[in-house]
Amino acid sequence: MIEYEYYDWTSLIDANARERMAQDIHGLVERGQYWTNSPPYQTNINIFGLQSEHWNNLKMSFIWSCFAYMKQERQIKAVKSWGYKTNLGTEEDRNNYWHTHERPDATVLSGVYYAHMPERINLDIAGTEFAPNGVEDPSSYFIAPAKVGHWIIFPGKTWHRPGILQSNEWRYIIAADMEI
């Protein structure tokens, strides 16, 4: 089992701020600012670099969440971030979604922030799926529930993928890595 933790930022980043994040991600995708070699639609910019209060608050909440997860402050080498917009219409073979965020010269903490989840879905299976023993061992797979307005922080070396897509309504998340 991997160690992961949730951090609730709904008091700092309210529903209006989360809606602006979703609108920003939607706008980037509409302008073609997403990777074509990744599952649709993952933005190809450092989303924390967008100049607005909601993105600055989200970046600072990610950094604080990582420090809280480690129970200490650490020297940061880099922070990378991107938005992700998905629905049933963009779904691919789920086995193609497995990935890690390992770097040869750094320890990485990864996080997923749930900005907007479709209504009338099961959040228990919509979050982030983990394979703590690797993708070769399906018996170890489990899904951490989606919690809107929360970061889930976990070791970047852990195999993971998005949870189950259940709606044609768009799902908006922000993912980030902290290299230490």
C-alpha atoms as a PDB file:
ATOM      1  CA  MET A   1       0.000   0.000   0.000  1.00  0.00           C
ATOM      2  CA  ILE A   2       1.315   3.459  -0.810  1.00  0.00           C
ATOM      3  CA  GLU A   3       1.185   6.388   1.521  1.00  0.00           C
ATOM      4  CA  TYR A   4      -1.010   9.166   0.187  1.00  0.00           C
ATOM      5  CA  GLU A   5      -2.663  12.084   1.915  1.00  0.00           C
ATOM      6  CA  TYR A   6      -5.467  14.506   1.104  1.00  0.00           C
ATOM      7  CA  TYR A   7      -5.219  18.217   1.846  1.00  0.00           C
ATOM      8  CA  ASP A   8      -8.390  20.320   1.886  1.00  0.00           C
ATOM      9  CA  TRP A   9      -7.997  23.807   0.371  1.00  0.00           C
ATOM     10  CA  THR A  10     -11.679  24.688  -0.048  1.00  0.00           C
ATOM     11  CA  SER A  11     -11.385  27.568   2.436  1.00  0.00           C
ATOM     12  CA  LEU A  12      -8.679  29.265   0.318  1.00  0.00           C
ATOM     13  CA  ILE A  13      -9.730  28.126  -3.154  1.00  0.00           C
ATOM     14  CA  ASP A  14     -13.513  28.382  -3.388  1.00  0.00           C
ATOM     15  CA  ALA A  15     -15.964  27.166  -6.032  1.00  0.00           C
ATOM     16  CA  ASN A  16     -15.588  30.398  -8.051  1.00  0.00           C
ATOM     17  CA  ALA A  17     -11.803  30.015  -8.188  1.00  0.00           C
ATOM     18  CA  ARG A  18     -12.158  26.357  -9.206  1.00  0.00           C
ATOM     19  CA  GLU A  19     -14.577  27.401 -11.970  1.00  0.00           C
ATOM     20  CA  ARG A  20     -12.019  29.945 -13.241  1.00  0.00           C
ATOM     21  CA  MET A  21      -9.378  27.190 -13.279  1.00  0.00           C
ATOM     22  CA  ALA A  22     -11.678  24.980 -15.357  1.00  0.00           C
ATOM     23  CA  GLN A  23     -12.355  27.898 -17.718  1.00  0.00           C
ATOM     24  CA  ASP A  24      -8.610  28.570 -18.062  1.00  0.00           C
ATOM     25  CA  ILE A  25      -7.899  24.915 -18.871  1.00  0.00           C
ATOM     26  CA  HIS A  26     -10.797  24.859 -21.346  1.00  0.00           C
ATOM     27  CA  GLY A  27      -9.429  28.000 -23.029  1.00  0.00           C
ATOM     28  CA  LEU A  28      -5.925  26.545 -23.329  1.00  0.00           C
ATOM     29  CA  VAL A  29      -7.306  23.385 -24.926  1.00  0.00           C
ATOM     30  CA  GLU A  30      -9.479  25.444 -27.299  1.00  0.00           C
ATOM     31  CA  ARG A  31      -6.317  27.339 -28.374  1.00  0.00           C
ATOM     32  CA  GLY A  32      -4.477  24.057 -29.038  1.00  0.00           C
ATOM     33  CA  GLN A  33      -2.149  24.336 -26.029  1.00  0.00           C
ATOM     34  CA  TYR A  34      -2.140  20.649 -25.163  1.00  0.00           C
ATOM     35  CA  TRP A  35       0.108  17.668 -25.843  1.00  0.00           C
ATOM     36  CA  THR A  36      -0.842  15.580 -28.851  1.00  0.00           C
ATOM     37  CA  ASN A  37       1.207  12.586 -27.647  1.00  0.00           C
ATOM     38  CA  SER A  38      -0.689  12.283 -24.340  1.00  0.00           C
ATOM     39  CA  PRO A  39      -4.253  11.329 -23.552  1.00  0.00           C
ATOM     40  CA  PRO A  40      -6.591  14.212 -24.422  1.00  0.00           C
ATOM     41  CA  TYR A  41      -6.453  16.886 -23.121  1.00  0.00           C
ATOM     42  CA  GLN A  42      -3.328  17.603 -21.075  1.00  0.00           C
ATOM     43  CA  THR A  43      -2.097  21.200 -21.261  1.00  0.00           C
ATOM     44  CA  ASN A  44       1.454  21.729 -22.480  1.00  0.00           C
ATOM     45  CA  ILE A  45       2.262  24.749 -20.310  1.00  0.00           C
ATOM     46  CA  ASN A  46       3.254  25.085 -16.671  1.00  0.00           C
ATOM     47  CA  ILE A  47      -0.224  25.985 -15.502  1.00  0.00           C
ATOM     48  CA  PHE A  48       1.071  27.449 -12.226  1.00  0.00           C
ATOM     49  CA  GLY A  49       2.750  30.098 -14.385  1.00  0.00           C
ATOM     50  CA  LEU A  50      -0.578  31.660 -15.353  1.00  0.00           C
ATOM     51  CA  GLN A  51      -0.837  35.096 -13.775  1.00  0.00           C
ATOM     52  CA  SER A  52      -3.845  35.148 -11.472  1.00  0.00           C
ATOM     53  CA  GLU A  53      -4.637  34.828  -7.801  1.00  0.00           C
ATOM     54  CA  HIS A  54      -6.312  31.426  -8.168  1.00  0.00           C
ATOM     55  CA  TRP A  55      -3.257  29.865  -9.851  1.00  0.00           C
ATOM     56  CA  ASN A  56      -0.879  31.441  -7.332  1.00  0.00           C
ATOM     57  CA  ASN A  57      -3.008  30.111  -4.453  1.00  0.00           C
ATOM     58  CA  LEU A  58      -3.104  26.658  -6.028  1.00  0.00           C
ATOM     59  CA  LYS A  59       0.688  26.609  -6.492  1.00  0.00           C
ATOM     60  CA  MET A  60       1.278  27.660  -2.878  1.00  0.00           C
ATOM     61  CA  SER A  61      -1.290  25.106  -1.656  1.00  0.00           C
ATOM     62  CA  PHE A  62       0.559  22.373  -3.575  1.00  0.00           C
ATOM     63  CA  ILE A  63       3.922  23.344  -2.079  1.00  0.00           C
ATOM     64  CA  TRP A  64       2.467  23.499   1.432  1.00  0.00           C
ATOM     65  CA  SER A  65       0.701  20.156   0.929  1.00  0.00           C
ATOM     66  CA  CYS A  66       3.988  18.526  -0.122  1.00  0.00           C
ATOM     67  CA  PHE A  67       5.792  19.939   2.932  1.00  0.00           C
ATOM     68  CA  ALA A  68       2.971  18.708   5.166  1.00  0.00           C
ATOM     69  CA  TYR A  69       3.147  15.262   3.521  1.00  0.00           C
ATOM     70  CA  MET A  70       6.906  15.095   4.211  1.00  0.00           C
ATOM     71  CA  LYS A  71       6.437  16.646   7.676  1.00  0.00           C
ATOM     72  CA  GLN A  72       9.283  19.032   6.868  1.00  0.00           C
ATOM     73  CA  GLU A  73      10.311  21.827   4.554  1.00  0.00           C
ATOM     74  CA  ARG A  74      12.812  20.856   1.852  1.00  0.00           C
ATOM     75  CA  GLN A  75      14.852  22.608  -0.818  1.00  0.00           C
ATOM     76  CA  ILE A  76      12.777  22.579  -4.018  1.00  0.00           C
ATOM     77  CA  LYS A  77      14.557  21.843  -7.307  1.00  0.00           C
ATOM     78  CA  ALA A  78      11.522  22.363  -9.528  1.00  0.00           C
ATOM     79  CA  VAL A  79       7.727  22.454  -9.589  1.00  0.00           C
ATOM     80  CA  LYS A  80       5.916  21.375 -12.754  1.00  0.00           C
ATOM     81  CA  SER A  81       2.178  21.546 -13.346  1.00  0.00           C
ATOM     82  CA  TRP A  82      -0.449  20.968 -16.004  1.00  0.00           C
ATOM     83  CA  GLY A  83      -4.201  20.918 -16.433  1.00  0.00           C
ATOM     84  CA  TYR A  84      -6.147  17.913 -17.607  1.00  0.00           C
ATOM     85  CA  LYS A  85      -9.610  17.921 -19.202  1.00  0.00           C
ATOM     86  CA  THR A  86     -11.316  14.559 -19.826  1.00  0.00           C
ATOM     87  CA  ASN A  87     -14.690  12.911 -20.277  1.00  0.00           C
ATOM     88  CA  LEU A  88     -16.087   9.665 -21.698  1.00  0.00           C
ATOM     89  CA  GLY A  89     -15.673  11.039 -25.219  1.00  0.00           C
ATOM     90  CA  THR A  90     -11.884  11.259 -24.771  1.00  0.00           C
ATOM     91  CA  GLU A  91     -11.440   7.877 -23.100  1.00  0.00           C
ATOM     92  CA  GLU A  92      -8.755   5.556 -24.459  1.00  0.00           C
ATOM     93  CA  ASP A  93      -7.630   2.087 -23.404  1.00  0.00           C
ATOM     94  CA  ARG A  94      -7.198   2.524 -19.633  1.00  0.00           C
ATOM     95  CA  ASN A  95      -3.982   0.494 -19.675  1.00  0.00           C
ATOM     96  CA  ASN A  96      -2.405   3.303 -21.722  1.00  0.00           C
ATOM     97  CA  TYR A  97      -2.896   5.714 -18.803  1.00  0.00           C
ATOM     98  CA  TRP A  98      -0.497   4.044 -16.329  1.00  0.00           C
ATOM     99  CA  HIS A  99       2.580   6.167 -15.610  1.00  0.00           C
ATOM    100  CA  THR A 100       5.043   7.347 -12.966  1.00  0.00           C
ATOM    101  CA  HIS A 101       6.851  10.645 -12.453  1.00  0.00           C
ATOM    102  CA  GLU A 102      10.354   9.408 -11.680  1.00  0.00           C
ATOM    103  CA  ARG A 103      13.400  11.601 -12.356  1.00  0.00           C
ATOM    104  CA  PRO A 104      16.936  10.191 -12.268  1.00  0.00           C
ATOM    105  CA  ASP A 105      18.351  13.183 -10.378  1.00  0.00           C
ATOM    106  CA  ALA A 106      15.525  14.012  -7.944  1.00  0.00           C
ATOM    107  CA  THR A 107      12.932  12.643  -5.579  1.00  0.00           C
ATOM    108  CA  VAL A 108       9.474  13.568  -6.803  1.00  0.00           C
ATOM    109  CA  LEU A 109       6.234  14.138  -4.950  1.00  0.00           C
ATOM    110  CA  SER A 110       3.177  14.191  -7.172  1.00  0.00           C
ATOM    111  CA  GLY A 111      -0.237  15.653  -6.606  1.00  0.00           C
ATOM    112  CA  VAL A 112      -3.657  15.735  -8.208  1.00  0.00           C
ATOM    113  CA  TYR A 113      -6.095  18.571  -7.468  1.00  0.00           C
ATOM    114  CA  TYR A 114      -9.741  17.956  -8.280  1.00  0.00           C
ATOM    115  CA  ALA A 115     -11.046  21.304  -9.581  1.00  0.00           C
ATOM    116  CA  HIS A 116     -14.298  20.049 -11.122  1.00  0.00           C
ATOM    117  CA  MET A 117     -15.921  16.630 -11.234  1.00  0.00           C
ATOM    118  CA  PRO A 118     -19.131  15.900 -13.157  1.00  0.00           C
ATOM    119  CA  GLU A 119     -22.373  15.754 -11.223  1.00  0.00           C
ATOM    120  CA  ARG A 120     -24.083  12.409 -10.621  1.00  0.00           C
ATOM    121  CA  ILE A 121     -20.945  10.279 -10.716  1.00  0.00           C
ATOM    122  CA  ASN A 122     -19.446   7.962  -8.131  1.00  0.00           C
ATOM    123  CA  LEU A 123     -16.513   9.942  -6.675  1.00  0.00           C
ATOM    124  CA  ASP A 124     -15.221   6.768  -5.003  1.00  0.00           C
ATOM    125  CA  ILE A 125     -14.082   5.424  -8.385  1.00  0.00           C
ATOM    126  CA  ALA A 126     -13.441   8.768 -10.123  1.00  0.00           C
ATOM    127  CA  GLY A 127     -10.255   9.801  -8.303  1.00  0.00           C
ATOM    128  CA  THR A 128      -6.770   8.405  -8.875  1.00  0.00           C
ATOM    129  CA  GLU A 129      -6.031   4.718  -9.309  1.00  0.00           C
ATOM    130  CA  PHE A 130      -2.778   3.363  -7.894  1.00  0.00           C
ATOM    131  CA  ALA A 131      -0.741   0.221  -8.583  1.00  0.00           C
ATOM    132  CA  PRO A 132       1.610   0.132  -5.578  1.00  0.00           C
ATOM    133  CA  ASN A 133       3.241  -3.147  -6.656  1.00  0.00           C
ATOM    134  CA  GLY A 134       3.477  -2.121 -10.311  1.00  0.00           C
ATOM    135  CA  VAL A 135       1.091  -2.613 -13.190  1.00  0.00           C
ATOM    136  CA  GLU A 136       2.010  -6.304 -13.405  1.00  0.00           C
ATOM    137  CA  ASP A 137       0.090  -6.960 -10.149  1.00  0.00           C
ATOM    138  CA  PRO A 138      -3.603  -6.069 -10.662  1.00  0.00           C
ATOM    139  CA  SER A 139      -4.447  -7.481  -7.229  1.00  0.00           C
ATOM    140  CA  SER A 140      -2.760  -4.427  -5.682  1.00  0.00           C
ATOM    141  CA  TYR A 141      -4.711  -1.818  -7.675  1.00  0.00           C
ATOM    142  CA  PHE A 142      -6.964   0.549  -5.737  1.00  0.00           C
ATOM    143  CA  ILE A 143      -8.688   3.861  -6.370  1.00  0.00           C
ATOM    144  CA  ALA A 144      -8.383   6.805  -4.015  1.00  0.00           C
ATOM    145  CA  PRO A 145     -11.668   8.770  -4.195  1.00  0.00           C
ATOM    146  CA  ALA A 146     -11.885  12.180  -5.869  1.00  0.00           C
ATOM    147  CA  LYS A 147     -12.394  15.021  -3.388  1.00  0.00           C
ATOM    148  CA  VAL A 148     -13.204  18.330  -5.078  1.00  0.00           C
ATOM    149  CA  GLY A 149     -11.055  21.160  -3.727  1.00  0.00           C
ATOM    150  CA  HIS A 150      -8.450  18.793  -2.286  1.00  0.00           C
ATOM    151  CA  TRP A 151      -4.915  17.849  -3.243  1.00  0.00           C
ATOM    152  CA  ILE A 152      -3.969  14.183  -3.045  1.00  0.00           C
ATOM    153  CA  ILE A 153      -0.195  13.922  -2.546  1.00  0.00           C
ATOM    154  CA  PHE A 154       1.806  10.727  -3.159  1.00  0.00           C
ATOM    155  CA  PRO A 155       5.313   9.555  -4.158  1.00  0.00           C
ATOM    156  CA  GLY A 156       5.931  10.265  -7.852  1.00  0.00           C
ATOM    157  CA  LYS A 157       7.509   6.843  -8.308  1.00  0.00           C
ATOM    158  CA  THR A 158       4.105   5.205  -7.736  1.00  0.00           C
ATOM    159  CA  TRP A 159       2.301   3.851 -10.787  1.00  0.00           C
ATOM    160  CA  HIS A 160      -0.997   5.691 -11.167  1.00  0.00           C
ATOM    161  CA  ARG A 161      -3.695   6.679 -13.642  1.00  0.00           C
ATOM    162  CA  PRO A 162      -6.960   8.641 -13.646  1.00  0.00           C
ATOM    163  CA  GLY A 163      -9.958   6.996 -12.057  1.00  0.00           C
ATOM    164  CA  ILE A 164     -12.968   5.735 -14.007  1.00  0.00           C
ATOM    165  CA  LEU A 165     -14.564   8.217 -16.418  1.00  0.00           C
ATOM    166  CA  GLN A 166     -18.342   8.028 -16.027  1.00  0.00           C
ATOM    167  CA  SER A 167     -19.825  11.044 -17.789  1.00  0.00           C
ATOM    168  CA  ASN A 168     -19.764  13.107 -20.964  1.00  0.00           C
ATOM    169  CA  GLU A 169     -19.518  16.191 -18.736  1.00  0.00           C
ATOM    170  CA  TRP A 170     -15.942  17.485 -18.523  1.00  0.00           C
ATOM    171  CA  ARG A 171     -13.710  16.572 -15.587  1.00  0.00           C
ATOM    172  CA  TYR A 172     -10.990  19.135 -14.757  1.00  0.00           C
ATOM    173  CA  ILE A 173      -7.976  18.317 -12.636  1.00  0.00           C
ATOM    174  CA  ILE A 174      -4.596  19.896 -12.096  1.00  0.00           C
ATOM    175  CA  ALA A 175      -1.560  17.693 -11.646  1.00  0.00           C
ATOM    176  CA  ALA A 176       1.810  18.775 -10.314  1.00  0.00           C
ATOM    177  CA  ASP A 177       5.232  17.426  -9.414  1.00  0.00           C
ATOM    178  CA  MET A 178       7.664  18.779  -6.860  1.00  0.00           C
ATOM    179  CA  GLU A 179      11.270  17.732  -7.385  1.00  0.00           C
ATOM    180  CA  ILE A 180      13.403  17.741  -4.248  1.00  0.00           C
END
